[in-house]
Amino acid sequence: MRWSYHLEIDNMRCVLVYYWNDNYLCVPQDLPYHFQWSEVGEIENEECLRWNEPVDPDMWHDNYLCTHHAKTI
């Protein structure tokens, strides 16, 4: 995993972390997990991890990084 403060990283699959508008969490394209960001709670039928920002707890109480495993054929 790599973090970018400005743009998506070439040759990686990236998810925008909404509150920062230009920050991305990126993973290798062949990783079998596909991430989604949610600022309105967990996404149904996905595994989610609450994303916390201790210096701004009021804005971050319902932010999650979620994933599902891509099935291969």
N, C-alpha and C. Protein backbone atom coordinates (compact mmCIF):
# COMPACT_ATOMS: atom_id res chain seq x y z
N MET A 1 0.84 -1.17 0.00
CA MET A 1 0.00 0.00 0.00
C MET A 1 0.89 1.24 0.00
N ARG A 2 0.39 2.24 -0.71
CA ARG A 2 1.10 3.52 -0.72
C ARG A 2 0.08 4.64 -0.58
N TRP A 3 0.49 5.72 0.03
CA TRP A 3 -0.35 6.89 0.23
C TRP A 3 0.13 7.99 -0.70
N SER A 4 -0.82 8.70 -1.31
CA SER A 4 -0.47 9.83 -2.15
C SER A 4 -1.23 11.06 -1.66
N TYR A 5 -0.53 12.17 -1.53
CA TYR A 5 -1.14 13.41 -1.08
C TYR A 5 -1.68 14.26 -2.22
N HIS A 6 -1.50 13.83 -3.46
CA HIS A 6 -1.92 14.68 -4.57
C HIS A 6 -2.72 13.97 -5.65
N LEU A 7 -2.17 12.95 -6.22
CA LEU A 7 -2.81 12.29 -7.35
C LEU A 7 -2.76 10.78 -7.19
N GLU A 8 -3.55 10.10 -7.99
CA GLU A 8 -3.44 8.65 -8.01
C GLU A 8 -2.04 8.27 -8.48
N ILE A 9 -1.55 7.15 -8.02
CA ILE A 9 -0.22 6.68 -8.39
C ILE A 9 -0.32 5.81 -9.63
N ASP A 10 0.49 6.10 -10.62
CA ASP A 10 0.48 5.33 -11.87
C ASP A 10 0.67 3.85 -11.59
N ASN A 11 -0.03 3.04 -12.35
CA ASN A 11 0.06 1.59 -12.30
C ASN A 11 -0.37 1.00 -10.95
N MET A 12 -1.18 1.75 -10.22
CA MET A 12 -1.75 1.25 -8.97
C MET A 12 -3.25 1.53 -8.98
N ARG A 13 -3.99 0.77 -8.19
CA ARG A 13 -5.43 0.99 -8.04
C ARG A 13 -5.61 1.82 -6.78
N CYS A 14 -6.27 2.99 -6.91
CA CYS A 14 -6.33 3.94 -5.81
C CYS A 14 -7.78 4.28 -5.44
N VAL A 15 -7.96 4.58 -4.17
CA VAL A 15 -9.26 5.02 -3.67
C VAL A 15 -9.06 6.40 -3.05
N LEU A 16 -9.95 7.32 -3.40
CA LEU A 16 -9.91 8.67 -2.88
C LEU A 16 -10.44 8.69 -1.45
N VAL A 17 -9.69 9.33 -0.55
CA VAL A 17 -10.15 9.55 0.81
C VAL A 17 -10.81 10.92 0.79
N TYR A 18 -12.15 10.94 0.78
CA TYR A 18 -12.94 12.13 0.44
C TYR A 18 -12.61 13.39 1.22
N TYR A 19 -12.44 13.32 2.50
CA TYR A 19 -12.31 14.54 3.27
C TYR A 19 -11.08 15.35 2.91
N TRP A 20 -10.10 14.72 2.34
CA TRP A 20 -8.91 15.47 1.98
C TRP A 20 -8.88 15.83 0.50
N ASN A 21 -9.86 15.43 -0.27
CA ASN A 21 -10.07 15.81 -1.66
C ASN A 21 -9.00 15.39 -2.64
N ASP A 22 -7.78 15.23 -2.22
CA ASP A 22 -6.72 14.87 -3.16
C ASP A 22 -5.77 13.83 -2.58
N ASN A 23 -6.21 13.12 -1.56
CA ASN A 23 -5.39 12.08 -0.95
C ASN A 23 -5.92 10.71 -1.35
N TYR A 24 -5.01 9.83 -1.69
CA TYR A 24 -5.39 8.51 -2.16
C TYR A 24 -4.63 7.42 -1.41
N LEU A 25 -5.32 6.33 -1.18
CA LEU A 25 -4.69 5.11 -0.71
C LEU A 25 -4.61 4.19 -1.92
N CYS A 26 -3.41 3.75 -2.25
CA CYS A 26 -3.20 2.98 -3.48
C CYS A 26 -2.61 1.61 -3.17
N VAL A 27 -3.00 0.65 -3.98
CA VAL A 27 -2.52 -0.73 -3.85
C VAL A 27 -2.13 -1.24 -5.22
N PRO A 28 -1.32 -2.31 -5.28
CA PRO A 28 -0.99 -2.90 -6.57
C PRO A 28 -2.26 -3.33 -7.32
N GLN A 29 -2.23 -3.22 -8.62
CA GLN A 29 -3.40 -3.56 -9.43
C GLN A 29 -3.79 -5.02 -9.32
N ASP A 30 -2.85 -5.88 -9.03
CA ASP A 30 -3.18 -7.31 -8.97
C ASP A 30 -3.62 -7.78 -7.58
N LEU A 31 -3.73 -6.86 -6.63
CA LEU A 31 -4.23 -7.23 -5.31
C LEU A 31 -5.69 -7.67 -5.44
N PRO A 32 -6.07 -8.79 -4.85
CA PRO A 32 -7.43 -9.29 -5.04
C PRO A 32 -8.50 -8.56 -4.22
N TYR A 33 -8.13 -7.48 -3.58
CA TYR A 33 -9.10 -6.69 -2.81
C TYR A 33 -9.34 -5.36 -3.50
N HIS A 34 -10.59 -4.92 -3.47
CA HIS A 34 -10.96 -3.65 -4.07
C HIS A 34 -11.54 -2.77 -2.97
N PHE A 35 -10.90 -1.64 -2.74
CA PHE A 35 -11.30 -0.75 -1.65
C PHE A 35 -12.31 0.29 -2.10
N GLN A 36 -13.17 0.68 -1.16
CA GLN A 36 -14.10 1.78 -1.35
C GLN A 36 -14.07 2.61 -0.09
N TRP A 37 -14.24 3.91 -0.24
CA TRP A 37 -14.31 4.81 0.89
C TRP A 37 -15.77 5.16 1.15
N SER A 38 -16.14 5.21 2.41
CA SER A 38 -17.49 5.62 2.78
C SER A 38 -17.41 6.66 3.88
N GLU A 39 -18.11 7.75 3.69
CA GLU A 39 -18.19 8.78 4.73
C GLU A 39 -19.56 8.79 5.37
N VAL A 40 -20.34 7.73 5.14
CA VAL A 40 -21.69 7.63 5.71
C VAL A 40 -21.90 6.27 6.37
N GLY A 41 -20.87 5.69 6.92
CA GLY A 41 -20.99 4.41 7.61
C GLY A 41 -20.50 3.24 6.77
N GLU A 42 -20.63 2.06 7.36
CA GLU A 42 -20.17 0.84 6.69
C GLU A 42 -20.99 0.56 5.44
N ILE A 43 -20.36 -0.08 4.46
CA ILE A 43 -21.03 -0.49 3.22
C ILE A 43 -21.53 -1.91 3.40
N GLU A 44 -22.80 -2.11 3.11
CA GLU A 44 -23.41 -3.42 3.28
C GLU A 44 -22.70 -4.48 2.45
N ASN A 45 -22.53 -5.65 3.04
CA ASN A 45 -21.91 -6.82 2.41
C ASN A 45 -20.42 -6.64 2.12
N GLU A 46 -19.77 -5.69 2.78
CA GLU A 46 -18.33 -5.52 2.63
C GLU A 46 -17.69 -5.53 4.01
N GLU A 47 -16.41 -5.85 4.05
CA GLU A 47 -15.64 -5.77 5.28
C GLU A 47 -15.15 -4.34 5.41
N CYS A 48 -15.42 -3.71 6.55
CA CYS A 48 -15.08 -2.30 6.72
C CYS A 48 -14.27 -2.06 7.98
N LEU A 49 -13.41 -1.08 7.89
CA LEU A 49 -12.57 -0.67 9.00
C LEU A 49 -12.83 0.82 9.24
N ARG A 50 -13.22 1.15 10.47
CA ARG A 50 -13.48 2.56 10.77
C ARG A 50 -12.19 3.35 10.69
N TRP A 51 -12.26 4.49 10.02
CA TRP A 51 -11.10 5.35 9.84
C TRP A 51 -11.25 6.50 10.82
N ASN A 52 -10.31 6.63 11.74
CA ASN A 52 -10.43 7.60 12.82
C ASN A 52 -9.39 8.70 12.68
N GLU A 53 -9.80 9.91 12.99
CA GLU A 53 -8.87 11.05 13.05
C GLU A 53 -9.06 11.71 14.41
N PRO A 54 -8.21 11.37 15.39
CA PRO A 54 -8.40 11.83 16.76
C PRO A 54 -8.46 13.35 16.93
N VAL A 55 -7.78 14.10 16.08
CA VAL A 55 -7.81 15.56 16.23
C VAL A 55 -9.09 16.18 15.70
N ASP A 56 -9.91 15.40 14.99
CA ASP A 56 -11.17 15.90 14.45
C ASP A 56 -12.25 14.83 14.58
N PRO A 57 -12.60 14.43 15.81
CA PRO A 57 -13.52 13.31 16.00
C PRO A 57 -14.94 13.56 15.51
N ASP A 58 -15.38 14.82 15.43
CA ASP A 58 -16.75 15.10 15.01
C ASP A 58 -16.98 14.81 13.53
N MET A 59 -15.98 14.98 12.72
CA MET A 59 -16.12 14.75 11.27
C MET A 59 -15.83 13.31 10.87
N TRP A 60 -15.22 12.53 11.72
CA TRP A 60 -14.72 11.22 11.33
C TRP A 60 -15.45 10.06 11.99
N HIS A 61 -16.57 10.29 12.62
CA HIS A 61 -17.25 9.22 13.36
C HIS A 61 -17.88 8.15 12.47
N ASP A 62 -18.09 8.46 11.19
CA ASP A 62 -18.77 7.51 10.30
C ASP A 62 -17.99 7.24 9.02
N ASN A 63 -16.68 7.37 9.07
CA ASN A 63 -15.83 7.14 7.90
C ASN A 63 -15.22 5.74 7.95
N TYR A 64 -15.30 5.05 6.81
CA TYR A 64 -14.83 3.67 6.75
C TYR A 64 -14.09 3.41 5.45
N LEU A 65 -13.08 2.58 5.54
CA LEU A 65 -12.44 2.01 4.37
C LEU A 65 -12.97 0.58 4.27
N CYS A 66 -13.63 0.28 3.17
CA CYS A 66 -14.28 -1.02 3.00
C CYS A 66 -13.65 -1.75 1.83
N THR A 67 -13.82 -3.07 1.84
CA THR A 67 -13.25 -3.89 0.78
C THR A 67 -14.10 -5.14 0.55
N HIS A 68 -13.99 -5.62 -0.65
CA HIS A 68 -14.51 -6.95 -0.96
C HIS A 68 -13.42 -7.67 -1.73
N HIS A 69 -13.43 -8.95 -1.63
CA HIS A 69 -12.44 -9.78 -2.32
C HIS A 69 -12.95 -10.06 -3.72
N ALA A 70 -12.14 -9.71 -4.70
CA ALA A 70 -12.52 -9.99 -6.09
C ALA A 70 -12.39 -11.48 -6.37
N LYS A 71 -13.43 -12.06 -6.88
CA LYS A 71 -13.40 -13.49 -7.20
C LYS A 71 -12.75 -13.70 -8.55
N THR A 72 -11.89 -14.68 -8.61
CA THR A 72 -11.26 -15.00 -9.87
C THR A 72 -11.97 -16.20 -10.50
N ILE A 73 -11.99 -16.21 -11.80
CA ILE A 73 -12.64 -17.31 -12.52
C ILE A 73 -11.61 -18.30 -12.99
